[in-house]
Amino acid sequence: MPLPKVAEVRQLSEQELSDEIVAIKRQLFELRMRRATSQPFKPHEFKHKKHRLAQLLTVEHERKLGINQTAKQEE
């Protein structure tokens, strides 16, 4: 399963972005609980969820700062 692309995240609305951040944080918590209680889990999901969370938080921060990504891509 390939890692998600940041272009998909940039297309989300503000509400969808914040909902997705909460959902990913909840999923990471559930994965940590599964690991701590010796329940079966897929270790690669940690990498995927953390990568996705980083993308979401980056885009959220860029929007707060008003950074325009199209200007960066043209350079």
PDB file of N, CA and C in Angstrom:
ATOM      1  N   MET A   1       0.844  -1.176   0.000  1.00  0.00           N
ATOM      2  CA  MET A   1       0.000   0.000   0.000  1.00  0.00           C
ATOM      3  C   MET A   1       0.891   1.242   0.000  1.00  0.00           C
ATOM      4  N   PRO A   2       0.795   2.079  -1.006  1.00  0.00           N
ATOM      5  CA  PRO A   2       1.653   3.267  -1.058  1.00  0.00           C
ATOM      6  C   PRO A   2       1.207   4.322  -0.053  1.00  0.00           C
ATOM      7  N   LEU A   3       2.150   5.165   0.320  1.00  0.00           N
ATOM      8  CA  LEU A   3       1.832   6.253   1.228  1.00  0.00           C
ATOM      9  C   LEU A   3       0.942   7.272   0.515  1.00  0.00           C
ATOM     10  N   PRO A   4       0.056   7.950   1.235  1.00  0.00           N
ATOM     11  CA  PRO A   4      -0.842   8.925   0.611  1.00  0.00           C
ATOM     12  C   PRO A   4      -0.076  10.153   0.108  1.00  0.00           C
ATOM     13  N   LYS A   5      -0.617  10.773  -0.906  1.00  0.00           N
ATOM     14  CA  LYS A   5       0.007  11.948  -1.511  1.00  0.00           C
ATOM     15  C   LYS A   5      -0.505  13.226  -0.855  1.00  0.00           C
ATOM     16  N   VAL A   6       0.355  14.205  -0.729  1.00  0.00           N
ATOM     17  CA  VAL A   6      -0.012  15.473  -0.099  1.00  0.00           C
ATOM     18  C   VAL A   6      -0.978  16.268  -0.986  1.00  0.00           C
ATOM     19  N   ALA A   7      -0.984  16.014  -2.281  1.00  0.00           N
ATOM     20  CA  ALA A   7      -1.904  16.713  -3.180  1.00  0.00           C
ATOM     21  C   ALA A   7      -3.350  16.412  -2.804  1.00  0.00           C
ATOM     22  N   GLU A   8      -3.603  15.199  -2.335  1.00  0.00           N
ATOM     23  CA  GLU A   8      -4.954  14.831  -1.906  1.00  0.00           C
ATOM     24  C   GLU A   8      -5.365  15.646  -0.681  1.00  0.00           C
ATOM     25  N   VAL A   9      -4.428  15.897   0.201  1.00  0.00           N
ATOM     26  CA  VAL A   9      -4.708  16.642   1.427  1.00  0.00           C
ATOM     27  C   VAL A   9      -5.006  18.097   1.112  1.00  0.00           C
ATOM     28  N   ARG A  10      -4.305  18.654   0.167  1.00  0.00           N
ATOM     29  CA  ARG A  10      -4.496  20.068  -0.175  1.00  0.00           C
ATOM     30  C   ARG A  10      -5.870  20.348  -0.777  1.00  0.00           C
ATOM     31  N   GLN A  11      -6.557  19.328  -1.244  1.00  0.00           N
ATOM     32  CA  GLN A  11      -7.876  19.504  -1.837  1.00  0.00           C
ATOM     33  C   GLN A  11      -8.993  19.482  -0.796  1.00  0.00           C
ATOM     34  N   LEU A  12      -8.669  19.133   0.446  1.00  0.00           N
ATOM     35  CA  LEU A  12      -9.671  19.058   1.499  1.00  0.00           C
ATOM     36  C   LEU A  12     -10.066  20.449   1.978  1.00  0.00           C
ATOM     37  N   SER A  13     -11.315  20.574   2.430  1.00  0.00           N
ATOM     38  CA  SER A  13     -11.763  21.833   3.015  1.00  0.00           C
ATOM     39  C   SER A  13     -11.238  21.928   4.445  1.00  0.00           C
ATOM     40  N   GLU A  14     -11.417  23.068   5.074  1.00  0.00           N
ATOM     41  CA  GLU A  14     -10.927  23.263   6.440  1.00  0.00           C
ATOM     42  C   GLU A  14     -11.569  22.266   7.404  1.00  0.00           C
ATOM     43  N   GLN A  15     -12.879  22.070   7.282  1.00  0.00           N
ATOM     44  CA  GLN A  15     -13.583  21.154   8.176  1.00  0.00           C
ATOM     45  C   GLN A  15     -13.148  19.717   7.942  1.00  0.00           C
ATOM     46  N   GLU A  16     -13.010  19.320   6.695  1.00  0.00           N
ATOM     47  CA  GLU A  16     -12.555  17.965   6.380  1.00  0.00           C
ATOM     48  C   GLU A  16     -11.138  17.735   6.907  1.00  0.00           C
ATOM     49  N   LEU A  17     -10.310  18.759   6.801  1.00  0.00           N
ATOM     50  CA  LEU A  17      -8.928  18.668   7.270  1.00  0.00           C
ATOM     51  C   LEU A  17      -8.884  18.441   8.784  1.00  0.00           C
ATOM     52  N   SER A  18      -9.635  19.226   9.534  1.00  0.00           N
ATOM     53  CA  SER A  18      -9.632  19.061  10.987  1.00  0.00           C
ATOM     54  C   SER A  18     -10.270  17.735  11.402  1.00  0.00           C
ATOM     55  N   ASP A  19     -11.307  17.295  10.697  1.00  0.00           N
ATOM     56  CA  ASP A  19     -11.920  15.998  10.988  1.00  0.00           C
ATOM     57  C   ASP A  19     -10.937  14.856  10.732  1.00  0.00           C
ATOM     58  N   GLU A  20     -10.183  14.972   9.653  1.00  0.00           N
ATOM     59  CA  GLU A  20      -9.204  13.938   9.302  1.00  0.00           C
ATOM     60  C   GLU A  20      -8.076  13.885  10.343  1.00  0.00           C
ATOM     61  N   ILE A  21      -7.649  15.038  10.844  1.00  0.00           N
ATOM     62  CA  ILE A  21      -6.603  15.080  11.867  1.00  0.00           C
ATOM     63  C   ILE A  21      -7.068  14.355  13.122  1.00  0.00           C
ATOM     64  N   VAL A  22      -8.291  14.637  13.553  1.00  0.00           N
ATOM     65  CA  VAL A  22      -8.838  13.979  14.740  1.00  0.00           C
ATOM     66  C   VAL A  22      -8.945  12.475  14.520  1.00  0.00           C
ATOM     67  N   ALA A  23      -9.401  12.069  13.347  1.00  0.00           N
ATOM     68  CA  ALA A  23      -9.562  10.646  13.041  1.00  0.00           C
ATOM     69  C   ALA A  23      -8.213   9.914  13.056  1.00  0.00           C
ATOM     70  N   ILE A  24      -7.192  10.522  12.468  1.00  0.00           N
ATOM     71  CA  ILE A  24      -5.871   9.886  12.430  1.00  0.00           C
ATOM     72  C   ILE A  24      -5.285   9.788  13.835  1.00  0.00           C
ATOM     73  N   LYS A  25      -5.444  10.839  14.645  1.00  0.00           N
ATOM     74  CA  LYS A  25      -4.946  10.788  16.022  1.00  0.00           C
ATOM     75  C   LYS A  25      -5.642   9.674  16.804  1.00  0.00           C
ATOM     76  N   ARG A  26      -6.936   9.509  16.583  1.00  0.00           N
ATOM     77  CA  ARG A  26      -7.678   8.445  17.253  1.00  0.00           C
ATOM     78  C   ARG A  26      -7.175   7.069  16.802  1.00  0.00           C
ATOM     79  N   GLN A  27      -6.920   6.921  15.508  1.00  0.00           N
ATOM     80  CA  GLN A  27      -6.422   5.649  14.981  1.00  0.00           C
ATOM     81  C   GLN A  27      -5.037   5.322  15.542  1.00  0.00           C
ATOM     82  N   LEU A  28      -4.186   6.330  15.664  1.00  0.00           N
ATOM     83  CA  LEU A  28      -2.862   6.111  16.257  1.00  0.00           C
ATOM     84  C   LEU A  28      -2.979   5.687  17.722  1.00  0.00           C
ATOM     85  N   PHE A  29      -3.894   6.307  18.440  1.00  0.00           N
ATOM     86  CA  PHE A  29      -4.117   5.925  19.828  1.00  0.00           C
ATOM     87  C   PHE A  29      -4.563   4.469  19.919  1.00  0.00           C
ATOM     88  N   GLU A  30      -5.499   4.085  19.048  1.00  0.00           N
ATOM     89  CA  GLU A  30      -5.990   2.708  19.050  1.00  0.00           C
ATOM     90  C   GLU A  30      -4.875   1.725  18.697  1.00  0.00           C
ATOM     91  N   LEU A  31      -3.991   2.098  17.777  1.00  0.00           N
ATOM     92  CA  LEU A  31      -2.859   1.233  17.448  1.00  0.00           C
ATOM     93  C   LEU A  31      -1.911   1.075  18.642  1.00  0.00           C
ATOM     94  N   ARG A  32      -1.655   2.187  19.347  1.00  0.00           N
ATOM     95  CA  ARG A  32      -0.794   2.108  20.527  1.00  0.00           C
ATOM     96  C   ARG A  32      -1.421   1.224  21.611  1.00  0.00           C
ATOM     97  N   MET A  33      -2.735   1.319  21.756  1.00  0.00           N
ATOM     98  CA  MET A  33      -3.426   0.478  22.737  1.00  0.00           C
ATOM     99  C   MET A  33      -3.350  -0.994  22.348  1.00  0.00           C
ATOM    100  N   ARG A  34      -3.505  -1.277  21.074  1.00  0.00           N
ATOM    101  CA  ARG A  34      -3.410  -2.663  20.600  1.00  0.00           C
ATOM    102  C   ARG A  34      -2.009  -3.225  20.886  1.00  0.00           C
ATOM    103  N   ARG A  35      -0.996  -2.408  20.621  1.00  0.00           N
ATOM    104  CA  ARG A  35       0.380  -2.858  20.856  1.00  0.00           C
ATOM    105  C   ARG A  35       0.610  -3.093  22.355  1.00  0.00           C
ATOM    106  N   ALA A  36       0.121  -2.191  23.195  1.00  0.00           N
ATOM    107  CA  ALA A  36       0.338  -2.295  24.635  1.00  0.00           C
ATOM    108  C   ALA A  36      -0.391  -3.483  25.250  1.00  0.00           C
ATOM    109  N   THR A  37      -1.531  -3.854  24.684  1.00  0.00           N
ATOM    110  CA  THR A  37      -2.309  -4.959  25.244  1.00  0.00           C
ATOM    111  C   THR A  37      -2.061  -6.269  24.504  1.00  0.00           C
ATOM    112  N   SER A  38      -1.050  -6.300  23.690  1.00  0.00           N
ATOM    113  CA  SER A  38      -0.646  -7.512  22.945  1.00  0.00           C
ATOM    114  C   SER A  38      -1.741  -8.042  22.028  1.00  0.00           C
ATOM    115  N   GLN A  39      -2.553  -7.168  21.497  1.00  0.00           N
ATOM    116  CA  GLN A  39      -3.552  -7.560  20.512  1.00  0.00           C
ATOM    117  C   GLN A  39      -2.903  -7.504  19.134  1.00  0.00           C
ATOM    118  N   PRO A  40      -3.433  -8.244  18.188  1.00  0.00           N
ATOM    119  CA  PRO A  40      -2.832  -8.222  16.842  1.00  0.00           C
ATOM    120  C   PRO A  40      -2.997  -6.856  16.174  1.00  0.00           C
ATOM    121  N   PHE A  41      -1.930  -6.405  15.519  1.00  0.00           N
ATOM    122  CA  PHE A  41      -1.954  -5.156  14.760  1.00  0.00           C
ATOM    123  C   PHE A  41      -0.908  -5.250  13.676  1.00  0.00           C
ATOM    124  N   LYS A  42      -1.014  -4.369  12.716  1.00  0.00           N
ATOM    125  CA  LYS A  42      -0.069  -4.336  11.606  1.00  0.00           C
ATOM    126  C   LYS A  42       0.927  -3.204  11.862  1.00  0.00           C
ATOM    127  N   PRO A  43       2.190  -3.527  12.099  1.00  0.00           N
ATOM    128  CA  PRO A  43       3.183  -2.509  12.460  1.00  0.00           C
ATOM    129  C   PRO A  43       3.367  -1.417  11.403  1.00  0.00           C
ATOM    130  N   HIS A  44       3.183  -1.746  10.139  1.00  0.00           N
ATOM    131  CA  HIS A  44       3.384  -0.738   9.096  1.00  0.00           C
ATOM    132  C   HIS A  44       2.333   0.367   9.161  1.00  0.00           C
ATOM    133  N   GLU A  45       1.218   0.102   9.826  1.00  0.00           N
ATOM    134  CA  GLU A  45       0.170   1.124   9.937  1.00  0.00           C
ATOM    135  C   GLU A  45       0.651   2.329  10.735  1.00  0.00           C
ATOM    136  N   PHE A  46       1.568   2.123  11.684  1.00  0.00           N
ATOM    137  CA  PHE A  46       2.125   3.256  12.423  1.00  0.00           C
ATOM    138  C   PHE A  46       2.784   4.238  11.460  1.00  0.00           C
ATOM    139  N   LYS A  47       3.597   3.724  10.562  1.00  0.00           N
ATOM    140  CA  LYS A  47       4.299   4.573   9.608  1.00  0.00           C
ATOM    141  C   LYS A  47       3.306   5.322   8.723  1.00  0.00           C
ATOM    142  N   HIS A  48       2.312   4.626   8.215  1.00  0.00           N
ATOM    143  CA  HIS A  48       1.343   5.243   7.318  1.00  0.00           C
ATOM    144  C   HIS A  48       0.523   6.321   8.031  1.00  0.00           C
ATOM    145  N   LYS A  49       0.080   6.024   9.237  1.00  0.00           N
ATOM    146  CA  LYS A  49      -0.752   6.986   9.983  1.00  0.00           C
ATOM    147  C   LYS A  49       0.064   8.210  10.389  1.00  0.00           C
ATOM    148  N   LYS A  50       1.305   7.993  10.834  1.00  0.00           N
ATOM    149  CA  LYS A  50       2.130   9.123  11.234  1.00  0.00           C
ATOM    150  C   LYS A  50       2.495   9.999  10.029  1.00  0.00           C
ATOM    151  N   HIS A  51       2.727   9.369   8.900  1.00  0.00           N
ATOM    152  CA  HIS A  51       3.029  10.106   7.677  1.00  0.00           C
ATOM    153  C   HIS A  51       1.824  10.953   7.263  1.00  0.00           C
ATOM    154  N   ARG A  52       0.645  10.362   7.315  1.00  0.00           N
ATOM    155  CA  ARG A  52      -0.578  11.073   6.958  1.00  0.00           C
ATOM    156  C   ARG A  52      -0.835  12.234   7.920  1.00  0.00           C
ATOM    157  N   LEU A  53      -0.630  12.000   9.209  1.00  0.00           N
ATOM    158  CA  LEU A  53      -0.824  13.056  10.198  1.00  0.00           C
ATOM    159  C   LEU A  53       0.137  14.215   9.948  1.00  0.00           C
ATOM    160  N   ALA A  54       1.378  13.913   9.626  1.00  0.00           N
ATOM    161  CA  ALA A  54       2.350  14.964   9.331  1.00  0.00           C
ATOM    162  C   ALA A  54       1.915  15.784   8.123  1.00  0.00           C
ATOM    163  N   GLN A  55       1.398  15.118   7.102  1.00  0.00           N
ATOM    164  CA  GLN A  55       0.917  15.831   5.920  1.00  0.00           C
ATOM    165  C   GLN A  55      -0.247  16.752   6.286  1.00  0.00           C
ATOM    166  N   LEU A  56      -1.187  16.230   7.056  1.00  0.00           N
ATOM    167  CA  LEU A  56      -2.359  17.017   7.444  1.00  0.00           C
ATOM    168  C   LEU A  56      -1.964  18.230   8.273  1.00  0.00           C
ATOM    169  N   LEU A  57      -1.088  18.026   9.238  1.00  0.00           N
ATOM    170  CA  LEU A  57      -0.667  19.133  10.089  1.00  0.00           C
ATOM    171  C   LEU A  57       0.140  20.168   9.308  1.00  0.00           C
ATOM    172  N   THR A  58       0.924  19.720   8.349  1.00  0.00           N
ATOM    173  CA  THR A  58       1.697  20.638   7.518  1.00  0.00           C
ATOM    174  C   THR A  58       0.775  21.522   6.689  1.00  0.00           C
ATOM    175  N   VAL A  59      -0.210  20.920   6.066  1.00  0.00           N
ATOM    176  CA  VAL A  59      -1.145  21.687   5.241  1.00  0.00           C
ATOM    177  C   VAL A  59      -1.949  22.647   6.114  1.00  0.00           C
ATOM    178  N   GLU A  60      -2.356  22.191   7.300  1.00  0.00           N
ATOM    179  CA  GLU A  60      -3.095  23.063   8.213  1.00  0.00           C
ATOM    180  C   GLU A  60      -2.242  24.269   8.609  1.00  0.00           C
ATOM    181  N   HIS A  61      -0.978  24.035   8.912  1.00  0.00           N
ATOM    182  CA  HIS A  61      -0.072  25.115   9.297  1.00  0.00           C
ATOM    183  C   HIS A  61       0.170  26.069   8.120  1.00  0.00           C
ATOM    184  N   GLU A  62       0.330  25.527   6.928  1.00  0.00           N
ATOM    185  CA  GLU A  62       0.521  26.368   5.744  1.00  0.00           C
ATOM    186  C   GLU A  62      -0.674  27.281   5.528  1.00  0.00           C
ATOM    187  N   ARG A  63      -1.856  26.744   5.726  1.00  0.00           N
ATOM    188  CA  ARG A  63      -3.071  27.549   5.537  1.00  0.00           C
ATOM    189  C   ARG A  63      -3.156  28.648   6.585  1.00  0.00           C
ATOM    190  N   LYS A  64      -2.762  28.349   7.810  1.00  0.00           N
ATOM    191  CA  LYS A  64      -2.783  29.366   8.862  1.00  0.00           C
ATOM    192  C   LYS A  64      -1.809  30.495   8.553  1.00  0.00           C
ATOM    193  N   LEU A  65      -0.660  30.132   7.982  1.00  0.00           N
ATOM    194  CA  LEU A  65       0.336  31.145   7.645  1.00  0.00           C
ATOM    195  C   LEU A  65       0.039  31.843   6.335  1.00  0.00           C
ATOM    196  N   GLY A  66      -0.866  31.268   5.551  1.00  0.00           N
ATOM    197  CA  GLY A  66      -1.217  31.851   4.266  1.00  0.00           C
ATOM    198  C   GLY A  66      -0.200  31.577   3.184  1.00  0.00           C
ATOM    199  N   ILE A  67       0.501  30.469   3.307  1.00  0.00           N
ATOM    200  CA  ILE A  67       1.500  30.114   2.307  1.00  0.00           C
ATOM    201  C   ILE A  67       0.800  29.566   1.073  1.00  0.00           C
ATOM    202  N   ASN A  68       1.193  30.081  -0.079  1.00  0.00           N
ATOM    203  CA  ASN A  68       0.610  29.634  -1.346  1.00  0.00           C
ATOM    204  C   ASN A  68       1.534  28.601  -1.965  1.00  0.00           C
ATOM    205  N   GLN A  69       1.095  27.368  -2.058  1.00  0.00           N
ATOM    206  CA  GLN A  69       1.937  26.294  -2.574  1.00  0.00           C
ATOM    207  C   GLN A  69       2.148  26.377  -4.080  1.00  0.00           C
ATOM    208  N   THR A  70       1.241  26.994  -4.810  1.00  0.00           N
ATOM    209  CA  THR A  70       1.424  27.080  -6.255  1.00  0.00           C
ATOM    210  C   THR A  70       2.625  27.956  -6.601  1.00  0.00           C
ATOM    211  N   ALA A  71       2.900  28.969  -5.805  1.00  0.00           N
ATOM    212  CA  ALA A  71       4.058  29.817  -6.050  1.00  0.00           C
ATOM    213  C   ALA A  71       5.356  29.039  -5.823  1.00  0.00           C
ATOM    214  N   LYS A  72       5.370  28.167  -4.827  1.00  0.00           N
ATOM    215  CA  LYS A  72       6.560  27.356  -4.562  1.00  0.00           C
ATOM    216  C   LYS A  72       6.798  26.340  -5.664  1.00  0.00           C
ATOM    217  N   GLN A  73       5.733  25.789  -6.194  1.00  0.00           N
ATOM    218  CA  GLN A  73       5.865  24.758  -7.221  1.00  0.00           C
ATOM    219  C   GLN A  73       6.392  25.339  -8.533  1.00  0.00           C
ATOM    220  N   GLU A  74       6.116  26.607  -8.815  1.00  0.00           N
ATOM    221  CA  GLU A  74       6.560  27.229 -10.053  1.00  0.00           C
ATOM    222  C   GLU A  74       8.058  27.498 -10.048  1.00  0.00           C
ATOM    223  N   GLU A  75       8.637  27.677  -8.868  1.00  0.00           N
ATOM    224  CA  GLU A  75      10.072  28.004  -8.776  1.00  0.00           C
ATOM    225  C   GLU A  75      10.960  26.859  -9.105  1.00  0.00           C
TER     226      GLU A  75
END
